Amino acid sequence: MNQFPPDPDAPGPPGTPSLHLTVAFYPPQYAAEVRGAPLARLDARLLHLHARTPLTTLRAVLHDSARLLGAHLTLRGAALDLRADPWSGGGTLRGETLAAARHHLMLPGTPRPLAPADLRALTARWTHGTLLLVQGGQVTEQLNLADELDRLTLHGVLHGPPGPDTRLHAHRLRPGGQLEQWLATPRR
């Protein structure tokens, strides 16, 4: 009988492929491999990634987390080497439904409904965040709110006439790695 608690950093059972995540905040020359509780404090979704996670989900979460953290992330496994940085292309979810995009991003729960004016005021204060622009039932843009050009696109969406069946899904990380998310539908 083992009298010691299991080591959270120990690899899984024999034969279980493992992943290693390296996080590099600016400047990216200073990188660290992060596991367990410290990883969950950065972004709780990262703790749930494993070698059997579908590749589309791995890519979506890794790129989204890199944007939200403002960090360079590298995920390595037996036959896997994925990299994401804060400015990497955000088109990985274009063409997906909002439900599918939320699934690939591993976004828990239901987003809080919010009026577009309130969303505009809320996101104006954010330094990091992701906004999914959904038109006609599909994600057409995945905006990085740390990027000034993406903020200009958001400004045009929030102040211009809404397109057909437009919805805005915004999410960001709270301290401790938990996500908060909102959903707004501009009025026609």
Foldseek 3Di string as FASTA:
>chain_A
DDPDDDDQPDDDDPPFWFKWKKKAAPVRVDIDTDADQVVQQLAVVVNVDGPPDDPLLVQLQQQLSQLQNQIWMWMDIDPDTDIYHNPPDDCSFFFPFPVVSCVSNVADDDAAEDELVVVVVVLVPDCWKWKFKDAPRTGHDIATSNDPVSVVVVVCCSPDDHHHFIKMKMWHADRRNHMHIYMYTYDD
